[in-house]
Amino acid sequence: MTATDPVVILAIESSCDETSAAIVKDGHVLSNTIATQKVHERYGGVVPELASRAHMQHIVPVVDVAIKDAGITKEEITAVAFTQSPGLIGSLLVGACFAKSFAQARQLPLIAVHHMQAHVLAHFIDSKPEFPFLCLTVSGGHTQIVLCRDYLDMEVLGETIDDAAGEAFDKVAKMLGLPYPGGPLVDRYAQQGDPKRFKFPMSEMKDYAFSFSGIKTSVLYFLQAQRKIDPDFAAQNMNDICASVQYTIVNMLMAKLKKAARELNIRQVGIAGGVSANSGLRRAMTDAGEQHGWQVYIPRFEYCTDNAAMIGITGYHKYLNGQFTDLSVVPSARATWH
């Protein structure tokens, strides 16, 4: 391979319940294929064993479709990137084993990617934020404020000390009797409700830390008390309850992000992760941008949830920096990163 040859990354994402493969050529996404898993809906949450089995069924056809959709052949692939951490260990193992096997069979470089770092770099698929760049990453398992000095130079300034914001949305939805995944349904009902009708407490944490266990408990006790008076209270007030919960969670997120932007004097600000698809958070980001003079970045919906395109864009920058791994690499459910 010469310096002028294109860099074509096959990317694999399998950290939870989406099997995804993408082809990224010289930093541009040629394809991004995702197979979702409906089997978890009946259980009200992701079942790890069922997730890993579904990944084994999906991984080969998903990769095949990604290569065909990109209009390339497997001979053109120059490296393989995969999600190494964090995530469900059984799910990660499927993606890691496939990536290592493909790389070994074709004698290609192997690139291990941290899932949360990839969520941040999803911004660079469609846009080019300037550094330093501040990113609020919000998902079902993580809530973090990340300072990005460069593509691969990031620092987690603060994160949740207990539940993630996405988990809080899903568990509140479960309390309300909504099916899994409940977070998007809370958002849907919230758009029709009064966000200030019901007051829920906002957790006050030190520095840039978050906590969402308190609002879950508050909503639980609130619903228990109201249902004693009227068993149909939740159903009859669904829009306002969802709007009030969403308003509180979004305010907690934005308060810390505004604090970080102000104290670090950064105006390049973005959100990433599955909860960045939430309409209330997107609207709050846009409003804050206008109020504080931020340049706001929000990835397209397909790059907010788990996807291989973000793994591919991260793998591309790691390739350029020579950050490869060998076949001894193993997945990690809770690996840290900087």
Protein backbone atom coordinates (compact mmCIF):
# COMPACT_ATOMS: atom_id res chain seq x y z
CA MET A 1 0.00 0.00 0.00
CA THR A 2 1.33 3.45 -0.92
CA ALA A 3 0.66 6.85 0.65
CA THR A 4 -1.80 7.69 -2.12
CA ASP A 5 -3.86 4.51 -1.79
CA PRO A 6 -7.29 4.96 -0.18
CA VAL A 7 -7.83 3.85 3.42
CA VAL A 8 -10.88 1.59 3.47
CA ILE A 9 -12.09 0.55 6.92
CA LEU A 10 -14.51 -2.31 7.59
CA ALA A 11 -16.13 -1.38 10.90
CA ILE A 12 -18.05 -3.69 13.26
CA GLU A 13 -20.34 -2.59 16.12
CA SER A 14 -21.91 -5.17 18.44
CA SER A 15 -21.84 -3.69 21.94
CA CYS A 16 -25.52 -4.19 22.81
CA ASP A 17 -28.52 -5.19 20.69
CA GLU A 18 -27.69 -3.79 17.26
CA THR A 19 -25.44 -5.64 14.84
CA SER A 20 -23.90 -3.07 12.53
CA ALA A 21 -21.24 -2.99 9.84
CA ALA A 22 -19.98 -0.01 7.86
CA ILE A 23 -17.45 0.82 5.18
CA VAL A 24 -15.54 4.08 5.67
CA LYS A 25 -13.22 5.23 2.87
CA ASP A 26 -10.79 8.07 3.61
CA GLY A 27 -13.08 9.33 6.36
CA HIS A 28 -16.27 9.16 4.28
CA VAL A 29 -19.08 6.70 5.07
CA LEU A 30 -19.93 4.56 2.05
CA SER A 31 -22.37 2.27 3.84
CA ASN A 32 -23.82 1.77 7.30
CA THR A 33 -25.94 -1.35 7.81
CA ILE A 34 -27.80 -2.05 11.06
CA ALA A 35 -29.77 -5.13 12.11
CA THR A 36 -31.97 -4.50 15.15
CA GLN A 37 -33.21 -7.14 17.58
CA LYS A 38 -36.95 -7.22 18.29
CA VAL A 39 -36.73 -10.23 20.59
CA HIS A 40 -36.06 -8.08 23.67
CA GLU A 41 -39.35 -6.18 23.53
CA ARG A 42 -41.32 -8.98 25.17
CA TYR A 43 -38.94 -8.97 28.17
CA GLY A 44 -38.93 -5.22 28.80
CA GLY A 45 -35.18 -4.90 28.33
CA VAL A 46 -32.13 -6.37 26.63
CA VAL A 47 -31.46 -10.03 27.51
CA PRO A 48 -27.68 -10.50 27.10
CA GLU A 49 -27.76 -14.15 26.06
CA LEU A 50 -30.42 -13.53 23.43
CA ALA A 51 -28.48 -10.51 22.19
CA SER A 52 -25.29 -12.48 21.63
CA ARG A 53 -27.18 -15.25 19.81
CA ALA A 54 -28.81 -12.69 17.51
CA HIS A 55 -25.40 -11.13 16.79
CA MET A 56 -24.12 -14.53 15.67
CA GLN A 57 -27.06 -14.83 13.27
CA HIS A 58 -26.71 -11.30 11.90
CA ILE A 59 -22.98 -10.62 11.70
CA VAL A 60 -22.15 -12.33 8.38
CA PRO A 61 -25.15 -11.08 6.37
CA VAL A 62 -24.78 -7.56 7.81
CA VAL A 63 -21.12 -7.37 6.78
CA ASP A 64 -21.97 -8.78 3.36
CA VAL A 65 -24.65 -6.10 2.81
CA ALA A 66 -22.33 -3.33 4.02
CA ILE A 67 -19.63 -4.33 1.52
CA LYS A 68 -22.12 -4.62 -1.35
CA ASP A 69 -23.86 -1.33 -0.50
CA ALA A 70 -20.49 0.42 -0.46
CA GLY A 71 -19.80 -0.80 -4.00
CA ILE A 72 -16.44 -2.33 -3.09
CA THR A 73 -14.95 -5.80 -2.83
CA LYS A 74 -13.40 -7.30 0.28
CA GLU A 75 -10.03 -7.13 -1.47
CA GLU A 76 -10.17 -3.32 -1.24
CA ILE A 77 -10.47 -3.29 2.56
CA THR A 78 -7.26 -2.07 4.20
CA ALA A 79 -8.11 -2.47 7.93
CA VAL A 80 -10.79 -3.79 10.29
CA ALA A 81 -12.11 -1.75 13.24
CA PHE A 82 -14.40 -3.14 15.92
CA THR A 83 -15.97 -2.15 19.22
CA GLN A 84 -13.69 -3.51 21.92
CA SER A 85 -15.44 -1.87 24.91
CA PRO A 86 -17.68 -1.17 26.74
CA GLY A 87 -20.83 -3.24 26.34
CA LEU A 88 -22.39 -6.65 26.92
CA ILE A 89 -19.46 -9.05 26.98
CA GLY A 90 -21.21 -11.77 24.94
CA SER A 91 -22.22 -9.27 22.28
CA LEU A 92 -18.73 -7.74 22.15
CA LEU A 93 -17.20 -11.20 21.75
CA VAL A 94 -19.18 -11.88 18.58
CA GLY A 95 -18.00 -8.68 16.90
CA ALA A 96 -14.43 -9.08 18.14
CA CYS A 97 -14.14 -12.69 16.98
CA PHE A 98 -15.48 -11.84 13.53
CA ALA A 99 -13.19 -8.81 13.20
CA LYS A 100 -10.12 -10.77 14.27
CA SER A 101 -10.96 -13.66 11.96
CA PHE A 102 -11.51 -11.36 8.97
CA ALA A 103 -8.32 -9.44 9.68
CA GLN A 104 -6.26 -12.60 10.14
CA ALA A 105 -7.66 -14.27 7.02
CA ARG A 106 -6.81 -11.25 4.86
CA GLN A 107 -3.69 -10.20 6.81
CA LEU A 108 -5.11 -6.77 7.59
CA PRO A 109 -4.40 -4.38 10.48
CA LEU A 110 -6.81 -4.64 13.42
CA ILE A 111 -8.12 -1.56 15.26
CA ALA A 112 -9.84 -1.69 18.66
CA VAL A 113 -12.32 1.13 19.31
CA HIS A 114 -13.89 2.43 22.52
CA HIS A 115 -17.63 2.79 21.99
CA MET A 116 -17.99 6.14 23.79
CA GLN A 117 -15.05 7.68 21.96
CA ALA A 118 -16.79 6.65 18.75
CA HIS A 119 -20.03 8.37 19.81
CA VAL A 120 -18.06 11.61 20.16
CA LEU A 121 -16.39 11.23 16.78
CA ALA A 122 -19.76 10.58 15.12
CA HIS A 123 -19.90 14.38 14.81
CA PHE A 124 -17.11 14.24 12.25
CA ILE A 125 -19.07 12.05 9.83
CA ASP A 126 -21.12 14.95 8.47
CA SER A 127 -19.45 18.03 9.97
CA LYS A 128 -16.09 19.31 11.15
CA PRO A 129 -16.23 20.85 14.62
CA GLU A 130 -13.17 22.87 15.54
CA PHE A 131 -11.03 21.89 18.53
CA PRO A 132 -11.33 22.25 21.46
CA PHE A 133 -14.78 20.71 21.25
CA LEU A 134 -17.11 19.91 24.14
CA CYS A 135 -19.43 16.90 23.84
CA LEU A 136 -22.25 15.68 26.04
CA THR A 137 -22.54 11.93 25.42
CA VAL A 138 -25.87 10.56 26.60
CA SER A 139 -26.97 6.96 26.17
CA GLY A 140 -28.71 4.12 27.96
CA GLY A 141 -25.52 3.18 29.76
CA HIS A 142 -23.45 6.37 29.91
CA THR A 143 -23.75 10.08 30.59
CA GLN A 144 -20.51 12.04 30.24
CA ILE A 145 -19.12 15.47 29.44
CA VAL A 146 -16.05 15.04 27.24
CA LEU A 147 -13.42 17.61 26.33
CA CYS A 148 -12.01 16.87 22.87
CA ARG A 149 -8.65 18.49 22.17
CA ASP A 150 -8.12 16.44 19.01
CA TYR A 151 -9.60 13.38 17.30
CA LEU A 152 -7.86 10.99 19.66
CA ASP A 153 -7.10 13.33 22.56
CA MET A 154 -10.15 13.35 24.83
CA GLU A 155 -10.78 13.80 28.53
CA VAL A 156 -13.89 12.80 30.48
CA LEU A 157 -14.60 15.82 32.67
CA GLY A 158 -17.55 14.30 34.49
CA GLU A 159 -20.00 11.44 34.32
CA THR A 160 -22.94 9.91 36.12
CA ILE A 161 -22.22 8.39 39.51
CA ASP A 162 -25.16 5.99 39.23
CA ASP A 163 -27.76 5.61 36.46
CA ALA A 164 -27.40 7.04 32.98
CA ALA A 165 -29.96 9.48 31.59
CA GLY A 166 -31.17 6.95 29.01
CA GLU A 167 -31.69 4.35 31.71
CA ALA A 168 -33.72 6.87 33.72
CA PHE A 169 -35.98 7.51 30.71
CA ASP A 170 -36.49 3.77 30.14
CA LYS A 171 -37.23 3.00 33.80
CA VAL A 172 -39.69 5.86 34.14
CA ALA A 173 -41.39 4.55 31.00
CA LYS A 174 -41.64 1.13 32.64
CA MET A 175 -43.24 2.69 35.73
CA LEU A 176 -45.80 4.27 33.41
CA GLY A 177 -46.57 0.92 31.79
CA LEU A 178 -44.98 1.78 28.45
CA PRO A 179 -43.34 -0.98 26.37
CA TYR A 180 -39.59 -1.32 25.85
CA PRO A 181 -37.73 0.67 24.63
CA GLY A 182 -39.58 3.32 26.57
CA GLY A 183 -37.31 6.35 26.18
CA PRO A 184 -38.53 7.30 22.69
CA LEU A 185 -42.15 6.89 23.85
CA VAL A 186 -41.59 9.28 26.76
CA ASP A 187 -40.29 11.78 24.21
CA ARG A 188 -43.32 11.25 21.98
CA TYR A 189 -45.82 11.82 24.80
CA ALA A 190 -43.79 14.73 26.17
CA GLN A 191 -44.22 16.67 22.95
CA GLN A 192 -47.97 16.92 23.70
CA GLY A 193 -47.66 17.71 27.42
CA ASP A 194 -47.04 20.56 29.87
CA PRO A 195 -43.40 20.29 31.06
CA LYS A 196 -44.04 22.42 34.16
CA ARG A 197 -47.18 20.79 35.49
CA PHE A 198 -45.40 18.37 37.84
CA LYS A 199 -42.23 19.28 39.75
CA PHE A 200 -39.48 16.71 40.17
CA PRO A 201 -36.20 17.39 42.01
CA MET A 202 -32.97 18.07 40.15
CA SER A 203 -29.92 16.35 41.62
CA GLU A 204 -27.15 18.73 42.67
CA MET A 205 -23.81 17.02 42.15
CA LYS A 206 -20.26 18.31 42.52
CA ASP A 207 -18.34 19.68 39.53
CA TYR A 208 -19.47 17.99 36.28
CA ALA A 209 -20.93 14.82 37.82
CA PHE A 210 -24.49 13.62 37.19
CA SER A 211 -26.98 11.52 39.14
CA PHE A 212 -30.31 10.22 37.86
CA SER A 213 -31.29 7.72 40.54
CA GLY A 214 -33.06 10.48 42.49
CA ILE A 215 -35.53 11.39 39.78
CA LYS A 216 -36.43 7.73 39.27
CA THR A 217 -37.21 7.37 42.97
CA SER A 218 -39.14 10.65 42.98
CA VAL A 219 -41.29 9.58 40.03
CA LEU A 220 -41.90 6.16 41.61
CA TYR A 221 -43.17 7.63 44.90
CA PHE A 222 -45.18 10.27 43.03
CA LEU A 223 -46.96 7.65 40.93
CA GLN A 224 -47.58 5.39 43.92
CA ALA A 225 -49.22 8.24 45.83
CA GLN A 226 -51.35 9.38 42.89
CA ARG A 227 -52.48 5.86 41.99
CA LYS A 228 -53.82 5.37 45.51
CA ILE A 229 -56.15 8.28 44.83
CA ASP A 230 -56.86 7.42 41.18
CA PRO A 231 -55.70 4.09 39.70
CA ASP A 232 -55.92 5.58 36.20
CA PHE A 233 -53.84 8.66 37.05
CA ALA A 234 -50.84 7.73 34.87
CA ALA A 235 -52.89 6.91 31.80
CA GLN A 236 -54.98 10.06 32.11
CA ASN A 237 -51.95 12.33 32.64
CA MET A 238 -49.38 10.55 30.47
CA ASN A 239 -48.45 13.57 28.33
CA ASP A 240 -47.85 15.91 31.26
CA ILE A 241 -45.95 13.32 33.32
CA CYS A 242 -43.63 12.52 30.43
CA ALA A 243 -43.15 16.20 29.60
CA SER A 244 -42.32 17.01 33.24
CA VAL A 245 -39.85 14.13 33.58
CA GLN A 246 -38.17 14.98 30.29
CA TYR A 247 -37.97 18.66 31.23
CA THR A 248 -36.22 17.78 34.50
CA ILE A 249 -33.69 15.36 32.97
CA VAL A 250 -32.88 17.71 30.10
CA ASN A 251 -32.37 20.61 32.54
CA MET A 252 -29.95 18.51 34.60
CA LEU A 253 -27.97 17.65 31.48
CA MET A 254 -27.90 21.18 30.15
CA ALA A 255 -26.96 22.76 33.49
CA LYS A 256 -23.70 20.79 33.60
CA LEU A 257 -22.96 21.32 29.92
CA LYS A 258 -23.46 25.09 30.25
CA LYS A 259 -21.23 25.12 33.33
CA ALA A 260 -18.44 23.31 31.46
CA ALA A 261 -18.73 25.53 28.38
CA ARG A 262 -18.65 28.67 30.52
CA GLU A 263 -15.77 27.63 32.76
CA LEU A 264 -13.63 26.30 29.90
CA ASN A 265 -14.63 29.12 27.54
CA ILE A 266 -15.55 26.69 24.74
CA ARG A 267 -18.20 27.48 22.14
CA GLN A 268 -17.91 24.39 19.93
CA VAL A 269 -20.48 22.17 21.64
CA GLY A 270 -22.26 18.95 20.68
CA ILE A 271 -24.34 16.04 21.96
CA ALA A 272 -23.98 12.37 21.04
CA GLY A 273 -25.33 8.95 21.97
CA GLY A 274 -28.81 7.47 21.74
CA VAL A 275 -30.47 10.10 23.95
CA SER A 276 -29.19 12.85 21.64
CA ALA A 277 -32.14 11.81 19.44
CA ASN A 278 -34.48 13.15 22.15
CA SER A 279 -36.42 16.13 20.80
CA GLY A 280 -36.38 18.00 24.11
CA LEU A 281 -32.59 17.75 24.40
CA ARG A 282 -32.10 18.77 20.78
CA ARG A 283 -34.33 21.79 21.26
CA ALA A 284 -32.53 22.75 24.48
CA MET A 285 -29.18 22.52 22.66
CA THR A 286 -30.40 24.77 19.86
CA ASP A 287 -31.78 27.30 22.36
CA ALA A 288 -28.55 27.28 24.36
CA GLY A 289 -26.54 27.80 21.20
CA GLU A 290 -28.52 30.90 20.37
CA GLN A 291 -28.36 32.19 23.93
CA HIS A 292 -24.65 31.61 24.56
CA GLY A 293 -23.23 31.95 21.06
CA TRP A 294 -22.32 28.28 20.72
CA GLN A 295 -21.67 26.51 17.46
CA VAL A 296 -23.94 23.52 18.07
CA TYR A 297 -23.39 20.09 16.53
CA ILE A 298 -25.94 17.26 16.63
CA PRO A 299 -25.38 14.08 14.57
CA ARG A 300 -28.06 12.78 12.25
CA PHE A 301 -30.47 10.33 13.89
CA GLU A 302 -28.83 7.28 12.30
CA TYR A 303 -25.50 8.25 13.87
CA CYS A 304 -26.95 8.93 17.34
CA THR A 305 -27.88 5.35 18.17
CA ASP A 306 -25.34 2.52 18.06
CA ASN A 307 -23.89 2.17 14.57
CA ALA A 308 -20.73 1.01 12.84
CA ALA A 309 -20.17 4.27 10.93
CA MET A 310 -18.96 5.92 14.12
CA ILE A 311 -16.66 2.94 14.74
CA GLY A 312 -15.35 3.34 11.21
CA ILE A 313 -14.63 7.08 11.52
CA THR A 314 -12.78 6.42 14.78
CA GLY A 315 -10.93 3.52 13.19
CA TYR A 316 -9.91 5.78 10.30
CA HIS A 317 -8.26 8.32 12.61
CA LYS A 318 -6.60 5.56 14.64
CA TYR A 319 -5.30 4.08 11.38
CA LEU A 320 -3.76 7.42 10.43
CA ASN A 321 -2.08 7.52 13.84
CA GLY A 322 -0.86 3.94 13.65
CA GLN A 323 -2.92 2.82 16.65
CA PHE A 324 -3.33 -0.87 15.89
CA THR A 325 -3.86 -3.87 18.10
CA ASP A 326 -2.95 -7.54 17.73
CA LEU A 327 -4.94 -10.75 17.83
CA SER A 328 -4.47 -11.10 21.59
CA VAL A 329 -6.91 -8.22 22.20
CA VAL A 330 -9.99 -9.16 24.22
CA PRO A 331 -13.29 -7.31 24.68
CA SER A 332 -13.98 -5.52 27.94
CA ALA A 333 -17.40 -4.81 29.43
CA ARG A 334 -16.26 -1.73 31.37
CA ALA A 335 -12.96 -0.47 29.99
CA THR A 336 -12.02 3.11 30.84
CA TRP A 337 -10.71 5.65 28.33
CA HIS A 338 -9.13 9.09 28.24
